[in-house]
């Protein structure tokens, strides 16, 4: 496992979570919540994308700096972060509306 790829996934996940929270105000968890959900989703999404696309895995494990690999890690992390933030926001929204 390449540590640099994981860092890229986590950072882009946090950014993706905050962007999604900014666009979907009703699902936003606040800056810290969006970041935490994004970091979790970025790690998961980036790892899934790396596992599904062997080209990203071979480039990431090679230790070389490949622009395609970096873009893939950032995209996987950002999308994963946004998706997890949206899912957590929907769950929170459903739980709060059922109590009211």
Protein backbone atom coordinates (compact mmCIF):
# COMPACT_ATOMS: atom_id res chain seq x y z
CA UNK A 1 0.00 0.00 0.00
CA UNK A 2 1.31 3.40 -0.97
CA UNK A 3 1.05 5.97 1.83
CA UNK A 4 1.01 8.89 -0.62
CA UNK A 5 -2.00 7.42 -2.44
CA UNK A 6 -3.83 6.99 0.88
CA UNK A 7 -3.09 10.58 1.89
CA UNK A 8 -4.40 11.81 -1.47
CA UNK A 9 -7.57 9.76 -1.00
CA UNK A 10 -8.18 11.04 2.53
CA UNK A 11 -7.56 14.69 1.70
CA UNK A 12 -9.67 14.57 -1.45
CA UNK A 13 -12.37 12.75 0.53
CA UNK A 14 -12.47 15.58 3.07
CA UNK A 15 -12.71 18.10 0.24
CA UNK A 16 -15.42 16.05 -1.48
CA UNK A 17 -17.42 15.81 1.75
CA UNK A 18 -17.24 19.56 2.29
CA UNK A 19 -18.15 20.35 -1.31
CA UNK A 20 -21.16 18.03 -1.10
CA UNK A 21 -22.14 19.60 2.23
CA UNK A 22 -21.89 23.05 0.68
CA UNK A 23 -24.05 22.08 -2.28
CA UNK A 24 -26.61 20.13 -0.26
CA UNK A 25 -27.24 22.42 2.72
CA UNK A 26 -30.12 20.32 4.04
CA UNK A 27 -27.82 17.26 4.36
CA UNK A 28 -24.77 19.11 5.65
CA UNK A 29 -23.23 17.81 8.86
CA UNK A 30 -21.26 20.98 9.51
CA UNK A 31 -17.62 21.49 8.55
CA UNK A 32 -16.22 18.94 10.99
CA UNK A 33 -18.89 16.32 10.28
CA UNK A 34 -18.55 16.79 6.53
CA UNK A 35 -14.78 16.42 6.83
CA UNK A 36 -14.92 13.29 8.98
CA UNK A 37 -17.52 11.61 6.77
CA UNK A 38 -15.51 12.68 3.73
CA UNK A 39 -12.27 11.27 5.11
CA UNK A 40 -13.92 7.91 5.81
CA UNK A 41 -15.56 7.89 2.38
CA UNK A 42 -12.36 9.01 0.70
CA UNK A 43 -10.43 6.12 2.17
CA UNK A 44 -13.12 3.62 1.27
CA UNK A 45 -13.81 5.03 -2.19
CA UNK A 46 -10.16 5.36 -3.10
CA UNK A 47 -9.38 1.83 -2.01
CA UNK A 48 -12.36 0.45 -3.92
CA UNK A 49 -11.37 2.31 -7.07
CA UNK A 50 -7.79 1.10 -6.74
CA UNK A 51 -9.01 -2.49 -6.32
CA UNK A 52 -11.36 -2.24 -9.31
CA UNK A 53 -8.89 -0.60 -11.69
CA UNK A 54 -5.65 -2.58 -11.86
CA UNK A 55 -3.88 0.26 -13.70
CA UNK A 56 -4.26 2.52 -10.67
CA UNK A 57 -3.07 -0.22 -8.35
CA UNK A 58 0.07 -0.97 -10.34
CA UNK A 59 0.90 2.72 -10.69
CA UNK A 60 0.27 3.40 -7.00
CA UNK A 61 2.34 0.45 -5.80
CA UNK A 62 5.20 1.23 -8.18
CA UNK A 63 6.14 4.28 -6.18
CA UNK A 64 6.46 6.41 -9.28
CA UNK A 65 4.64 9.67 -9.79
CA UNK A 66 2.06 8.96 -12.46
CA UNK A 67 -0.40 11.78 -13.21
CA UNK A 68 -3.14 9.34 -14.20
CA UNK A 69 -2.78 7.52 -10.91
CA UNK A 70 -2.92 10.76 -8.92
CA UNK A 71 -6.05 11.89 -10.77
CA UNK A 72 -7.65 8.49 -10.17
CA UNK A 73 -6.85 8.60 -6.45
CA UNK A 74 -8.20 12.15 -6.11
CA UNK A 75 -11.36 11.31 -8.07
CA UNK A 76 -12.01 8.12 -6.11
CA UNK A 77 -11.40 9.82 -2.79
CA UNK A 78 -13.49 12.89 -3.63
CA UNK A 79 -16.46 10.94 -4.94
CA UNK A 80 -16.27 8.46 -2.06
CA UNK A 81 -16.17 11.31 0.44
CA UNK A 82 -19.17 13.02 -1.11
CA UNK A 83 -21.18 9.80 -1.24
CA UNK A 84 -20.54 8.88 2.39
CA UNK A 85 -21.35 12.44 3.53
CA UNK A 86 -24.66 12.31 1.62
CA UNK A 87 -25.54 8.88 3.06
CA UNK A 88 -24.78 10.01 6.62
CA UNK A 89 -26.74 13.24 6.03
CA UNK A 90 -29.74 11.29 4.76
CA UNK A 91 -29.62 8.95 7.75
CA UNK A 92 -29.37 11.88 10.15
CA UNK A 93 -32.24 13.65 8.41
CA UNK A 94 -34.43 10.53 8.52
CA UNK A 95 -33.69 9.98 12.20
CA UNK A 96 -34.47 13.57 13.14
CA UNK A 97 -37.72 13.64 11.13
CA UNK A 98 -38.94 10.40 12.72
CA UNK A 99 -38.49 11.89 16.20
CA UNK A 100 -40.45 15.05 15.38
